[in-house]
Amino acid sequence: MNIVPFLEFTLNSRYITRWIYAGLVLYIPVLNFLSLGFLSTTSRLVIIGGIGLPTWQEKYETAIEGVKLLFVFILYNAIPFFLFSSGFFLTTLNSFTAFFGHIVIISSYVAFVACSFLIPFAFAVFAEQMDFRGALEFEKIFKGIKEVFFEYLIGYAVALCGLYLCKWIMHIPYLIGFVLSSVLSYYILLVSTYYFTELYKKTSLVTVRMDEQTMEHSEKPDAQV
């Protein structure tokens, strides 16, 4: 998979502001619905064969799509969230329960990584079909992952490492760390969206099949969504 053309396109001065706007509001509640929706529409562009970024003309639709994607994320991580909450509660009772509470909290991190493993393809399924049921078909999604498992695992590991580094960038004082972490985290998510969507197109999960002639006339960089 050649990811360089997408990197060159997204860093082009003509289009870079499109995703930077989304990155600046990634950590801001409510406004970050736009950020998530932008990822979904970008994935849909890639699925139909284009290398491009959506515009911001349909902000309401983008935000609604972001809300739906957030809901998918919450459903996938319901178990880790429950474990973390339970562990935190145990740590507040007494020293005896605190010991088990810390164990439960650590297990919640492991569960988070495991449950989040399916999310990239779940998002791609949702972006293509706009259907919650398809995004929650765990067995079917895992089957698709197995078809490109090695590439998927590498992409997932690299994305996690990148986001982890962005977490430490946030420690830079004043607002500099916050802004840098927000923008860089979003760019990692954007590139990951492209990467995993391209992988998704290689699997039996995708419902849109395009021949070579259609691909040549697919969405151009200036295309609007």
Protein backbone atom coordinates (compact mmCIF):
# COMPACT_ATOMS: atom_id res chain seq x y z
CA MET A 1 0.00 0.00 0.00
CA ASN A 2 1.42 3.38 -1.01
CA ILE A 3 0.42 5.93 1.59
CA VAL A 4 2.76 8.67 0.35
CA PRO A 5 0.28 10.27 -2.12
CA PHE A 6 -2.23 10.76 0.70
CA LEU A 7 0.43 12.32 2.94
CA GLU A 8 1.48 14.68 0.16
CA PHE A 9 -2.13 15.64 -0.49
CA THR A 10 -3.06 16.29 3.15
CA LEU A 11 0.07 18.40 3.68
CA ASN A 12 -0.57 20.46 0.56
CA SER A 13 -1.06 24.11 1.54
CA ARG A 14 -4.34 24.17 -0.40
CA TYR A 15 -5.96 21.40 1.64
CA ILE A 16 -4.10 21.31 4.95
CA THR A 17 -6.50 23.71 6.67
CA ARG A 18 -9.41 21.30 6.14
CA TRP A 19 -8.11 18.77 8.63
CA ILE A 20 -6.33 21.27 10.88
CA TYR A 21 -9.70 22.85 11.71
CA ALA A 22 -10.91 19.42 12.80
CA GLY A 23 -7.73 18.80 14.77
CA LEU A 24 -8.01 22.03 16.73
CA VAL A 25 -11.41 21.03 18.14
CA LEU A 26 -10.63 17.33 18.70
CA TYR A 27 -10.45 17.73 22.48
CA ILE A 28 -13.35 20.16 22.75
CA PRO A 29 -16.66 18.48 23.73
CA VAL A 30 -19.50 18.74 21.19
CA LEU A 31 -17.29 20.45 18.61
CA ASN A 32 -15.29 17.23 18.32
CA PHE A 33 -18.35 15.62 16.74
CA LEU A 34 -17.28 17.52 13.62
CA SER A 35 -13.81 15.99 13.88
CA LEU A 36 -15.17 12.44 14.02
CA GLY A 37 -17.64 13.07 11.23
CA PHE A 38 -14.82 14.42 9.06
CA LEU A 39 -12.97 11.12 9.50
CA SER A 40 -16.04 9.18 8.44
CA THR A 41 -16.62 11.21 5.28
CA THR A 42 -12.92 10.92 4.43
CA SER A 43 -13.20 7.15 4.74
CA ARG A 44 -16.18 7.16 2.40
CA LEU A 45 -14.19 9.13 -0.18
CA VAL A 46 -11.40 6.56 -0.01
CA ILE A 47 -13.86 3.69 -0.36
CA ILE A 48 -15.21 5.03 -3.65
CA GLY A 49 -11.67 5.37 -4.95
CA GLY A 50 -10.64 8.94 -4.28
CA ILE A 51 -7.71 10.55 -2.49
CA GLY A 52 -9.29 13.65 -1.08
CA LEU A 53 -10.75 15.42 1.90
CA PRO A 54 -14.35 16.50 2.37
CA THR A 55 -15.21 20.17 2.62
CA TRP A 56 -16.99 21.85 5.54
CA GLN A 57 -20.11 22.85 3.63
CA GLU A 58 -22.32 20.28 5.36
CA LYS A 59 -21.36 20.88 8.98
CA TYR A 60 -24.62 19.64 10.47
CA GLU A 61 -24.52 16.31 8.63
CA THR A 62 -20.85 15.93 9.53
CA ALA A 63 -21.56 16.53 13.22
CA ILE A 64 -24.45 14.03 13.26
CA GLU A 65 -22.23 11.42 11.69
CA GLY A 66 -19.63 12.18 14.34
CA VAL A 67 -22.17 11.56 17.09
CA LYS A 68 -23.00 8.18 15.57
CA LEU A 69 -19.32 7.25 15.35
CA LEU A 70 -18.82 8.21 19.00
CA PHE A 71 -21.72 5.94 19.89
CA VAL A 72 -20.05 3.04 18.06
CA PHE A 73 -16.82 3.73 19.96
CA ILE A 74 -18.67 3.73 23.30
CA LEU A 75 -20.40 0.44 22.52
CA TYR A 76 -17.11 -1.24 21.66
CA ASN A 77 -15.48 -0.02 24.85
CA ALA A 78 -18.36 -0.53 27.25
CA ILE A 79 -16.50 -3.36 29.02
CA PRO A 80 -13.23 -1.40 29.52
CA PHE A 81 -15.18 1.62 30.76
CA PHE A 82 -17.08 -0.57 33.23
CA LEU A 83 -13.87 -2.22 34.48
CA PHE A 84 -12.14 1.11 34.93
CA SER A 85 -15.10 2.61 36.82
CA SER A 86 -15.39 -0.45 39.04
CA GLY A 87 -11.66 -0.47 39.74
CA PHE A 88 -11.64 3.22 40.60
CA PHE A 89 -14.58 2.70 42.96
CA LEU A 90 -12.77 -0.14 44.74
CA THR A 91 -9.68 2.02 45.25
CA THR A 92 -11.75 4.56 47.19
CA LEU A 93 -13.13 2.11 49.79
CA ASN A 94 -10.20 0.82 51.87
CA SER A 95 -6.68 -0.51 51.51
CA PHE A 96 -7.86 -4.09 51.00
CA THR A 97 -10.25 -3.35 48.13
CA ALA A 98 -7.78 -0.79 46.73
CA PHE A 99 -5.36 -3.62 45.91
CA PHE A 100 -7.97 -5.37 43.78
CA GLY A 101 -9.11 -2.04 42.41
CA HIS A 102 -5.68 -1.36 40.93
CA ILE A 103 -5.68 -4.82 39.34
CA VAL A 104 -9.09 -4.15 37.81
CA ILE A 105 -7.90 -0.78 36.49
CA ILE A 106 -4.88 -2.40 34.84
CA SER A 107 -7.14 -5.05 33.32
CA SER A 108 -9.35 -2.26 31.95
CA TYR A 109 -6.37 -0.93 29.97
CA VAL A 110 -5.76 -4.38 28.50
CA ALA A 111 -9.46 -4.71 27.69
CA PHE A 112 -9.42 -1.27 26.06
CA VAL A 113 -6.61 -2.25 23.69
CA ALA A 114 -8.31 -5.57 22.89
CA CYS A 115 -11.78 -4.11 22.32
CA SER A 116 -10.45 -1.16 20.33
CA PHE A 117 -8.67 -3.56 17.98
CA LEU A 118 -11.87 -4.01 15.96
CA ILE A 119 -12.76 -0.32 15.83
CA PRO A 120 -10.84 0.72 12.65
CA PHE A 121 -12.81 -1.73 10.50
CA ALA A 122 -16.01 -1.08 12.45
CA PHE A 123 -15.66 2.60 11.55
CA ALA A 124 -14.99 1.70 7.91
CA VAL A 125 -18.09 -0.49 7.81
CA PHE A 126 -20.16 2.32 9.30
CA ALA A 127 -18.69 4.92 6.93
CA GLU A 128 -19.61 2.77 3.93
CA GLN A 129 -23.00 1.44 5.02
CA MET A 130 -24.10 4.10 7.54
CA ASP A 131 -25.56 1.25 9.56
CA PHE A 132 -25.00 0.56 13.27
CA ARG A 133 -25.81 -3.11 12.89
CA GLY A 134 -23.05 -3.66 10.36
CA ALA A 135 -20.53 -1.85 12.58
CA LEU A 136 -21.42 -4.17 15.48
CA GLU A 137 -21.13 -7.49 13.65
CA PHE A 138 -18.05 -8.51 15.62
CA GLU A 139 -17.50 -11.94 14.10
CA LYS A 140 -17.84 -10.66 10.55
CA ILE A 141 -15.47 -7.75 11.21
CA PHE A 142 -12.88 -10.01 12.86
CA LYS A 143 -13.10 -12.34 9.86
CA GLY A 144 -12.30 -9.37 7.61
CA ILE A 145 -9.37 -8.41 9.84
CA LYS A 146 -7.92 -11.92 9.55
CA GLU A 147 -7.80 -11.49 5.77
CA VAL A 148 -5.25 -8.65 6.18
CA PHE A 149 -4.14 -9.41 9.74
CA PHE A 150 -0.41 -8.63 9.49
CA GLU A 151 -0.88 -5.23 7.86
CA TYR A 152 -3.77 -4.47 10.19
CA LEU A 153 -1.72 -5.31 13.29
CA ILE A 154 1.18 -3.14 12.18
CA GLY A 155 -1.11 -0.19 11.45
CA TYR A 156 -2.89 -0.58 14.77
CA ALA A 157 0.38 -0.75 16.73
CA VAL A 158 1.85 2.28 14.95
CA ALA A 159 -1.33 4.31 15.50
CA LEU A 160 -1.40 3.44 19.22
CA CYS A 161 2.25 4.41 19.63
CA GLY A 162 1.68 7.69 17.82
CA LEU A 163 -1.33 8.58 19.95
CA TYR A 164 0.60 7.64 23.09
CA LEU A 165 3.39 10.05 22.13
CA CYS A 166 0.82 12.76 21.54
CA LYS A 167 -0.39 12.24 25.09
CA TRP A 168 3.06 13.23 26.38
CA ILE A 169 3.23 16.21 24.05
CA MET A 170 0.24 17.58 25.95
CA HIS A 171 2.52 18.07 28.96
CA ILE A 172 4.26 20.96 27.20
CA PRO A 173 3.31 24.06 29.25
CA TYR A 174 0.73 26.67 28.45
CA LEU A 175 -1.57 25.95 25.49
CA ILE A 176 1.26 24.89 23.20
CA GLY A 177 1.16 21.25 24.27
CA PHE A 178 -2.62 21.12 24.14
CA VAL A 179 -2.80 22.51 20.60
CA LEU A 180 0.10 20.41 19.28
CA SER A 181 -1.26 17.24 20.83
CA SER A 182 -4.73 17.90 19.46
CA VAL A 183 -3.57 18.58 15.89
CA LEU A 184 -0.98 15.77 15.77
CA SER A 185 -3.40 13.26 17.31
CA TYR A 186 -5.97 14.14 14.69
CA TYR A 187 -3.49 13.82 11.85
CA ILE A 188 -2.57 10.35 13.11
CA LEU A 189 -6.28 9.47 13.15
CA LEU A 190 -6.72 10.90 9.65
CA VAL A 191 -3.80 8.96 8.17
CA SER A 192 -4.96 5.85 10.04
CA THR A 193 -8.41 6.31 8.54
CA TYR A 194 -6.90 6.27 5.06
CA TYR A 195 -4.65 3.30 5.86
CA PHE A 196 -7.37 1.13 7.38
CA THR A 197 -9.92 2.06 4.73
CA GLU A 198 -7.50 0.93 2.03
CA LEU A 199 -7.07 -2.34 3.93
CA TYR A 200 -10.82 -2.59 4.29
CA LYS A 201 -11.20 -2.40 0.51
CA LYS A 202 -9.07 -5.53 0.18
CA THR A 203 -11.40 -7.63 2.34
CA SER A 204 -14.74 -9.34 1.85
CA LEU A 205 -16.34 -6.74 4.13
CA VAL A 206 -16.52 -4.02 1.48
CA THR A 207 -19.74 -3.90 -0.52
CA VAL A 208 -18.54 -1.37 -3.11
CA ARG A 209 -16.49 -2.97 -5.87
CA MET A 210 -15.07 -0.69 -8.52
CA ASP A 211 -13.43 -1.73 -11.76
CA GLU A 212 -10.29 -0.07 -13.08
CA GLN A 213 -12.19 2.25 -15.41
CA THR A 214 -14.40 3.52 -12.60
CA MET A 215 -11.35 4.03 -10.39
CA GLU A 216 -9.78 6.28 -13.00
CA HIS A 217 -12.83 8.55 -12.90
CA SER A 218 -13.34 8.46 -9.14
CA GLU A 219 -13.38 11.44 -6.80
CA LYS A 220 -10.60 13.94 -7.37
CA PRO A 221 -8.87 15.89 -4.57
CA ASP A 222 -11.21 18.85 -5.08
CA ALA A 223 -14.31 16.69 -4.76
CA GLN A 224 -16.87 17.83 -2.25
CA VAL A 225 -18.82 15.60 0.05
